[in-house]
Amino acid sequence: MSTRKCRLCNRSLKLPESMELGVCRNCRAKTGIGPMPPARRKPRPCARCNGMRFIRVVPREYSQVALTSRVEVGAIPMSVTNYVRRGEIRRTADSSRGFLETYICTSCGVVEWYCNDPESIPIGPEYMSEVIDVGTDGPYR
């Protein structure tokens, strides 16, 4: 039986979740790779060109972290905000809220953005977020 290798670093895969994604734990941590969440976009043609094929991408944010004498780059899925703790923002997957995903039409290239978990977004000036409810009396019916 052949051993499966990580698609990024070519090391042997040992854990079941590594086998499923094809990426080892170390590479997943550095690159922000994880299981894809359920799709938010409804299956319908592109609003711009009626194209029927899309590429779905979970964009990631990359940052540099100083580890003793070396600087390492890490990534987490892109989100709209993060919880603030003790006046400090920590960019981690656990503190991020409002994860984003994009759909790119392969015919015309238009990009649509969706928020995967809008119910988790904290509301308030400290998060630079607010709720705008246009209701049924406004111009948007």
N, C-alpha and C. Protein backbone atom coordinates (compact mmCIF):
# COMPACT_ATOMS: atom_id res chain seq x y z
N MET A 1 0.84 -1.18 0.00
CA MET A 1 0.00 0.00 0.00
C MET A 1 0.89 1.25 0.00
N SER A 2 0.62 2.16 -0.91
CA SER A 2 1.44 3.36 -0.99
C SER A 2 0.97 4.40 0.02
N THR A 3 1.91 5.17 0.54
CA THR A 3 1.62 6.21 1.51
C THR A 3 1.26 7.48 0.77
N ARG A 4 0.18 8.13 1.18
CA ARG A 4 -0.18 9.40 0.57
C ARG A 4 0.73 10.50 1.10
N LYS A 5 1.04 11.46 0.25
CA LYS A 5 1.94 12.56 0.59
C LYS A 5 1.18 13.88 0.61
N CYS A 6 1.66 14.81 1.43
CA CYS A 6 1.10 16.16 1.49
C CYS A 6 1.27 16.83 0.13
N ARG A 7 0.22 17.47 -0.35
CA ARG A 7 0.26 18.13 -1.65
C ARG A 7 1.19 19.34 -1.66
N LEU A 8 1.55 19.85 -0.46
CA LEU A 8 2.38 21.05 -0.39
C LEU A 8 3.84 20.78 -0.05
N CYS A 9 4.08 19.90 0.94
CA CYS A 9 5.46 19.68 1.38
C CYS A 9 5.98 18.28 1.09
N ASN A 10 5.13 17.40 0.61
CA ASN A 10 5.49 16.04 0.22
C ASN A 10 5.80 15.11 1.39
N ARG A 11 5.45 15.49 2.63
CA ARG A 11 5.62 14.60 3.77
C ARG A 11 4.48 13.57 3.78
N SER A 12 4.70 12.46 4.47
CA SER A 12 3.67 11.43 4.60
C SER A 12 2.50 11.95 5.42
N LEU A 13 1.29 11.59 5.01
CA LEU A 13 0.08 11.97 5.72
C LEU A 13 -0.29 10.86 6.68
N LYS A 14 -0.63 11.24 7.94
CA LYS A 14 -0.94 10.24 8.95
C LYS A 14 -2.35 10.38 9.51
N LEU A 15 -2.82 11.60 9.71
CA LEU A 15 -4.12 11.81 10.35
C LEU A 15 -5.26 11.73 9.33
N PRO A 16 -6.45 11.25 9.75
CA PRO A 16 -7.58 11.13 8.82
C PRO A 16 -7.94 12.45 8.14
N GLU A 17 -7.93 13.58 8.91
CA GLU A 17 -8.28 14.86 8.29
C GLU A 17 -7.23 15.29 7.27
N SER A 18 -5.99 14.89 7.49
CA SER A 18 -4.93 15.18 6.52
C SER A 18 -5.17 14.40 5.25
N MET A 19 -5.58 13.14 5.40
CA MET A 19 -5.85 12.30 4.23
C MET A 19 -6.98 12.90 3.40
N GLU A 20 -8.03 13.36 4.08
CA GLU A 20 -9.19 13.91 3.39
C GLU A 20 -8.83 15.15 2.57
N LEU A 21 -8.05 16.05 3.16
CA LEU A 21 -7.68 17.30 2.48
C LEU A 21 -6.44 17.15 1.61
N GLY A 22 -5.63 16.12 1.89
CA GLY A 22 -4.39 15.94 1.14
C GLY A 22 -3.29 16.88 1.57
N VAL A 23 -3.43 17.49 2.77
CA VAL A 23 -2.46 18.46 3.27
C VAL A 23 -2.17 18.13 4.73
N CYS A 24 -0.90 18.09 5.10
CA CYS A 24 -0.52 17.73 6.47
C CYS A 24 -0.92 18.83 7.47
N ARG A 25 -0.93 18.48 8.76
CA ARG A 25 -1.33 19.41 9.82
C ARG A 25 -0.46 20.66 9.82
N ASN A 26 0.84 20.52 9.66
CA ASN A 26 1.76 21.65 9.66
C ASN A 26 1.43 22.62 8.52
N CYS A 27 1.24 22.11 7.33
CA CYS A 27 0.92 22.96 6.18
C CYS A 27 -0.47 23.59 6.32
N ARG A 28 -1.43 22.85 6.88
CA ARG A 28 -2.77 23.42 7.11
C ARG A 28 -2.69 24.60 8.05
N ALA A 29 -1.89 24.48 9.12
CA ALA A 29 -1.76 25.56 10.10
C ALA A 29 -1.12 26.80 9.47
N LYS A 30 -0.10 26.59 8.65
CA LYS A 30 0.60 27.73 8.04
C LYS A 30 -0.20 28.42 6.95
N THR A 31 -1.02 27.66 6.22
CA THR A 31 -1.69 28.21 5.05
C THR A 31 -3.17 28.50 5.24
N GLY A 32 -3.72 28.15 6.40
CA GLY A 32 -5.13 28.42 6.66
C GLY A 32 -6.07 27.49 5.91
N ILE A 33 -5.60 26.32 5.54
CA ILE A 33 -6.43 25.37 4.81
C ILE A 33 -7.25 24.54 5.79
N GLY A 34 -8.52 24.38 5.49
CA GLY A 34 -9.41 23.56 6.29
C GLY A 34 -10.54 23.06 5.42
N PRO A 35 -11.44 22.30 6.00
CA PRO A 35 -12.58 21.83 5.21
C PRO A 35 -13.40 23.01 4.70
N MET A 36 -13.94 22.90 3.52
CA MET A 36 -14.77 23.96 2.95
C MET A 36 -16.10 23.99 3.69
N PRO A 37 -16.57 25.19 4.09
CA PRO A 37 -17.89 25.29 4.71
C PRO A 37 -18.97 25.06 3.65
N PRO A 38 -20.21 24.87 4.07
CA PRO A 38 -21.28 24.73 3.08
C PRO A 38 -21.36 25.97 2.20
N ALA A 39 -21.69 25.79 0.94
CA ALA A 39 -21.78 26.89 -0.01
C ALA A 39 -22.94 27.81 0.33
N ARG A 40 -22.72 29.13 0.20
CA ARG A 40 -23.77 30.12 0.48
C ARG A 40 -24.52 30.55 -0.78
N ARG A 41 -23.86 30.51 -1.93
CA ARG A 41 -24.50 30.99 -3.16
C ARG A 41 -25.51 29.97 -3.66
N LYS A 42 -26.69 30.46 -4.00
CA LYS A 42 -27.69 29.57 -4.57
C LYS A 42 -27.28 29.18 -5.99
N PRO A 43 -27.56 27.96 -6.41
CA PRO A 43 -27.19 27.55 -7.77
C PRO A 43 -28.06 28.26 -8.81
N ARG A 44 -27.48 29.23 -9.46
CA ARG A 44 -28.18 29.99 -10.50
C ARG A 44 -27.12 30.53 -11.46
N PRO A 45 -27.53 30.89 -12.67
CA PRO A 45 -26.56 31.42 -13.64
C PRO A 45 -25.98 32.75 -13.17
N CYS A 46 -24.85 33.11 -13.75
CA CYS A 46 -24.20 34.39 -13.48
C CYS A 46 -25.16 35.52 -13.84
N ALA A 47 -25.31 36.50 -12.95
CA ALA A 47 -26.20 37.64 -13.19
C ALA A 47 -25.70 38.53 -14.32
N ARG A 48 -24.43 38.45 -14.63
CA ARG A 48 -23.85 39.32 -15.65
C ARG A 48 -23.91 38.70 -17.05
N CYS A 49 -23.55 37.39 -17.17
CA CYS A 49 -23.44 36.80 -18.52
C CYS A 49 -24.22 35.49 -18.69
N ASN A 50 -24.92 35.06 -17.66
CA ASN A 50 -25.64 33.78 -17.66
C ASN A 50 -24.73 32.58 -17.71
N GLY A 51 -23.46 32.75 -17.39
CA GLY A 51 -22.54 31.62 -17.32
C GLY A 51 -22.99 30.63 -16.24
N MET A 52 -22.63 29.37 -16.43
CA MET A 52 -23.10 28.32 -15.52
C MET A 52 -22.00 27.68 -14.69
N ARG A 53 -20.74 28.08 -14.89
CA ARG A 53 -19.63 27.48 -14.14
C ARG A 53 -18.94 28.54 -13.31
N PHE A 54 -18.62 28.16 -12.06
CA PHE A 54 -18.00 29.08 -11.12
C PHE A 54 -16.85 28.39 -10.42
N ILE A 55 -15.90 29.18 -9.98
CA ILE A 55 -14.83 28.69 -9.11
C ILE A 55 -15.13 29.29 -7.74
N ARG A 56 -15.26 28.42 -6.75
CA ARG A 56 -15.52 28.87 -5.38
C ARG A 56 -14.20 28.91 -4.63
N VAL A 57 -13.91 30.05 -3.98
CA VAL A 57 -12.65 30.23 -3.27
C VAL A 57 -12.93 30.83 -1.90
N VAL A 58 -12.29 30.27 -0.87
CA VAL A 58 -12.30 30.88 0.45
C VAL A 58 -11.00 31.68 0.53
N PRO A 59 -11.08 33.02 0.41
CA PRO A 59 -9.85 33.83 0.45
C PRO A 59 -9.23 33.78 1.84
N ARG A 60 -7.92 33.89 1.90
CA ARG A 60 -7.20 33.84 3.17
C ARG A 60 -6.39 35.10 3.35
N GLU A 61 -6.20 35.46 4.61
CA GLU A 61 -5.37 36.61 4.98
C GLU A 61 -4.02 36.08 5.43
N TYR A 62 -2.98 36.69 4.93
CA TYR A 62 -1.62 36.26 5.27
C TYR A 62 -0.98 37.31 6.15
N SER A 63 -0.25 36.86 7.16
CA SER A 63 0.45 37.80 8.03
C SER A 63 1.78 37.22 8.45
N GLN A 64 2.67 38.09 8.85
CA GLN A 64 3.98 37.66 9.32
C GLN A 64 3.97 37.61 10.83
N VAL A 65 4.53 36.55 11.37
CA VAL A 65 4.62 36.37 12.81
C VAL A 65 6.08 36.16 13.16
N ALA A 66 6.58 36.96 14.09
CA ALA A 66 7.98 36.81 14.49
C ALA A 66 8.09 35.65 15.49
N LEU A 67 8.86 34.66 15.13
CA LEU A 67 9.11 33.52 16.01
C LEU A 67 10.60 33.50 16.32
N THR A 68 10.95 33.94 17.50
CA THR A 68 12.35 34.06 17.95
C THR A 68 13.17 34.79 16.90
N SER A 69 14.10 34.11 16.25
CA SER A 69 15.00 34.79 15.32
C SER A 69 14.52 34.76 13.87
N ARG A 70 13.40 34.09 13.60
CA ARG A 70 12.93 34.03 12.22
C ARG A 70 11.51 34.58 12.12
N VAL A 71 11.14 35.01 10.93
CA VAL A 71 9.79 35.50 10.68
C VAL A 71 9.10 34.46 9.82
N GLU A 72 7.89 34.07 10.25
CA GLU A 72 7.15 33.06 9.53
C GLU A 72 5.84 33.65 9.05
N VAL A 73 5.38 33.22 7.89
CA VAL A 73 4.12 33.69 7.34
C VAL A 73 3.04 32.68 7.69
N GLY A 74 1.91 33.17 8.16
CA GLY A 74 0.78 32.31 8.47
C GLY A 74 -0.45 32.84 7.77
N ALA A 75 -1.51 32.04 7.72
CA ALA A 75 -2.73 32.45 7.04
C ALA A 75 -3.95 31.93 7.78
N ILE A 76 -5.04 32.70 7.69
CA ILE A 76 -6.34 32.27 8.20
C ILE A 76 -7.38 32.67 7.16
N PRO A 77 -8.55 32.01 7.16
CA PRO A 77 -9.60 32.43 6.24
C PRO A 77 -9.97 33.89 6.47
N MET A 78 -10.27 34.62 5.40
CA MET A 78 -10.59 36.04 5.48
C MET A 78 -11.96 36.22 6.12
N SER A 79 -12.05 37.23 6.98
CA SER A 79 -13.31 37.53 7.66
C SER A 79 -13.55 39.03 7.67
N VAL A 80 -14.77 39.42 8.07
CA VAL A 80 -15.08 40.85 8.08
C VAL A 80 -14.71 41.53 9.39
N THR A 81 -14.64 40.79 10.50
CA THR A 81 -14.26 41.40 11.77
C THR A 81 -13.72 40.34 12.73
N ASN A 82 -13.20 40.82 13.84
CA ASN A 82 -12.66 39.95 14.89
C ASN A 82 -13.13 40.46 16.24
N TYR A 83 -13.27 39.55 17.18
CA TYR A 83 -13.58 39.98 18.55
C TYR A 83 -12.39 40.74 19.10
N VAL A 84 -12.70 41.78 19.88
CA VAL A 84 -11.67 42.58 20.54
C VAL A 84 -11.61 42.11 21.99
N ARG A 85 -10.41 41.79 22.44
CA ARG A 85 -10.23 41.36 23.83
C ARG A 85 -9.22 42.27 24.50
N ARG A 86 -9.65 42.88 25.61
CA ARG A 86 -8.79 43.79 26.37
C ARG A 86 -8.15 44.85 25.48
N GLY A 87 -8.93 45.40 24.58
CA GLY A 87 -8.44 46.46 23.71
C GLY A 87 -7.49 45.99 22.63
N GLU A 88 -7.39 44.68 22.44
CA GLU A 88 -6.45 44.12 21.48
C GLU A 88 -7.18 43.23 20.47
N ILE A 89 -6.85 43.38 19.21
CA ILE A 89 -7.43 42.53 18.18
C ILE A 89 -6.43 41.42 17.87
N ARG A 90 -6.88 40.21 17.95
CA ARG A 90 -6.03 39.06 17.61
C ARG A 90 -6.61 38.41 16.38
N ARG A 91 -5.82 38.32 15.33
CA ARG A 91 -6.28 37.72 14.08
C ARG A 91 -6.04 36.22 14.12
N THR A 92 -7.00 35.50 14.66
CA THR A 92 -6.95 34.05 14.66
C THR A 92 -8.26 33.53 14.12
N ALA A 93 -8.28 32.29 13.65
CA ALA A 93 -9.51 31.70 13.15
C ALA A 93 -10.56 31.63 14.25
N ASP A 94 -10.15 31.45 15.51
CA ASP A 94 -11.10 31.36 16.61
C ASP A 94 -11.75 32.71 16.93
N SER A 95 -11.04 33.82 16.73
CA SER A 95 -11.60 35.12 17.07
C SER A 95 -12.24 35.82 15.86
N SER A 96 -12.04 35.29 14.67
CA SER A 96 -12.60 35.91 13.47
C SER A 96 -14.09 35.63 13.35
N ARG A 97 -14.82 36.59 12.79
CA ARG A 97 -16.26 36.45 12.59
C ARG A 97 -16.62 36.98 11.21
N GLY A 98 -17.58 36.33 10.58
CA GLY A 98 -18.03 36.75 9.25
C GLY A 98 -17.08 36.26 8.17
N PHE A 99 -16.84 34.94 8.13
CA PHE A 99 -15.92 34.39 7.13
C PHE A 99 -16.47 34.60 5.72
N LEU A 100 -15.56 34.92 4.80
CA LEU A 100 -15.94 35.25 3.43
C LEU A 100 -15.63 34.12 2.46
N GLU A 101 -16.41 34.08 1.40
CA GLU A 101 -16.11 33.19 0.28
C GLU A 101 -16.47 33.92 -1.00
N THR A 102 -15.80 33.56 -2.08
CA THR A 102 -16.05 34.20 -3.37
C THR A 102 -16.44 33.16 -4.40
N TYR A 103 -17.18 33.62 -5.40
CA TYR A 103 -17.55 32.80 -6.55
C TYR A 103 -17.13 33.58 -7.78
N ILE A 104 -16.34 32.96 -8.63
CA ILE A 104 -15.84 33.62 -9.83
C ILE A 104 -16.45 32.93 -11.04
N CYS A 105 -17.14 33.68 -11.88
CA CYS A 105 -17.74 33.12 -13.10
C CYS A 105 -16.61 32.82 -14.08
N THR A 106 -16.55 31.59 -14.57
CA THR A 106 -15.47 31.22 -15.49
C THR A 106 -15.70 31.78 -16.89
N SER A 107 -16.91 32.28 -17.19
CA SER A 107 -17.17 32.86 -18.51
C SER A 107 -16.75 34.32 -18.60
N CYS A 108 -17.17 35.13 -17.60
CA CYS A 108 -16.90 36.57 -17.70
C CYS A 108 -15.95 37.08 -16.63
N GLY A 109 -15.68 36.28 -15.59
CA GLY A 109 -14.74 36.68 -14.56
C GLY A 109 -15.33 37.52 -13.44
N VAL A 110 -16.62 37.77 -13.44
CA VAL A 110 -17.21 38.55 -12.36
C VAL A 110 -17.05 37.79 -11.04
N VAL A 111 -16.84 38.54 -9.96
CA VAL A 111 -16.62 37.94 -8.64
C VAL A 111 -17.78 38.34 -7.73
N GLU A 112 -18.38 37.35 -7.07
CA GLU A 112 -19.42 37.59 -6.07
C GLU A 112 -18.85 37.19 -4.71
N TRP A 113 -19.08 38.05 -3.70
CA TRP A 113 -18.64 37.78 -2.33
C TRP A 113 -19.84 37.41 -1.48
N TYR A 114 -19.66 36.43 -0.61
CA TYR A 114 -20.69 36.02 0.34
C TYR A 114 -20.07 35.86 1.71
N CYS A 115 -20.87 36.11 2.74
CA CYS A 115 -20.44 35.88 4.11
C CYS A 115 -21.00 34.54 4.55
N ASN A 116 -20.12 33.65 5.01
CA ASN A 116 -20.54 32.30 5.34
C ASN A 116 -21.29 32.21 6.66
N ASP A 117 -21.05 33.11 7.59
CA ASP A 117 -21.68 33.02 8.91
C ASP A 117 -22.09 34.41 9.43
N PRO A 118 -23.02 35.09 8.72
CA PRO A 118 -23.37 36.46 9.12
C PRO A 118 -23.94 36.57 10.53
N GLU A 119 -24.57 35.50 11.01
CA GLU A 119 -25.15 35.54 12.36
C GLU A 119 -24.09 35.65 13.45
N SER A 120 -22.83 35.35 13.13
CA SER A 120 -21.76 35.40 14.13
C SER A 120 -21.07 36.76 14.23
N ILE A 121 -21.42 37.69 13.35
CA ILE A 121 -20.74 39.00 13.32
C ILE A 121 -21.19 39.84 14.51
N PRO A 122 -20.25 40.26 15.38
CA PRO A 122 -20.62 41.13 16.49
C PRO A 122 -20.94 42.53 15.97
N ILE A 123 -21.90 43.17 16.61
CA ILE A 123 -22.35 44.49 16.17
C ILE A 123 -21.91 45.54 17.19
N GLY A 124 -21.35 46.64 16.71
CA GLY A 124 -20.98 47.74 17.58
C GLY A 124 -19.85 48.55 16.99
N PRO A 125 -19.67 49.79 17.47
CA PRO A 125 -18.62 50.65 16.93
C PRO A 125 -17.23 50.07 17.12
N GLU A 126 -17.03 49.27 18.19
CA GLU A 126 -15.72 48.68 18.42
C GLU A 126 -15.37 47.63 17.36
N TYR A 127 -16.39 47.16 16.62
CA TYR A 127 -16.17 46.20 15.53
C TYR A 127 -16.35 46.84 14.16
N MET A 128 -16.64 48.15 14.16
CA MET A 128 -16.90 48.88 12.91
C MET A 128 -18.03 48.20 12.15
N SER A 129 -19.11 47.85 12.88
CA SER A 129 -20.24 47.17 12.25
C SER A 129 -21.55 47.73 12.81
N GLU A 130 -22.59 47.70 12.00
CA GLU A 130 -23.91 48.13 12.42
C GLU A 130 -24.95 47.37 11.60
N VAL A 131 -26.17 47.29 12.11
CA VAL A 131 -27.27 46.65 11.40
C VAL A 131 -28.08 47.75 10.73
N ILE A 132 -28.36 47.58 9.46
CA ILE A 132 -29.23 48.48 8.73
C ILE A 132 -30.42 47.65 8.26
N ASP A 133 -31.60 47.97 8.79
CA ASP A 133 -32.80 47.23 8.46
C ASP A 133 -33.68 48.13 7.60
N VAL A 134 -33.81 47.82 6.33
CA VAL A 134 -34.60 48.66 5.44
C VAL A 134 -36.08 48.35 5.55
N GLY A 135 -36.44 47.26 6.22
CA GLY A 135 -37.84 46.92 6.48
C GLY A 135 -38.68 46.86 5.23
N THR A 136 -39.98 46.95 5.42
CA THR A 136 -40.91 46.89 4.29
C THR A 136 -41.41 48.27 3.87
N ASP A 137 -41.12 49.30 4.69
CA ASP A 137 -41.60 50.65 4.38
C ASP A 137 -40.62 51.45 3.54
N GLY A 138 -39.41 50.97 3.39
CA GLY A 138 -38.40 51.71 2.65
C GLY A 138 -38.52 51.49 1.15
N PRO A 139 -37.62 52.07 0.38
CA PRO A 139 -37.66 51.96 -1.08
C PRO A 139 -37.25 50.57 -1.58
N TYR A 140 -36.71 49.73 -0.72
CA TYR A 140 -36.24 48.41 -1.14
C TYR A 140 -37.30 47.37 -0.82
N ARG A 141 -38.21 47.10 -1.74
CA ARG A 141 -39.28 46.13 -1.48
C ARG A 141 -39.07 44.87 -2.24
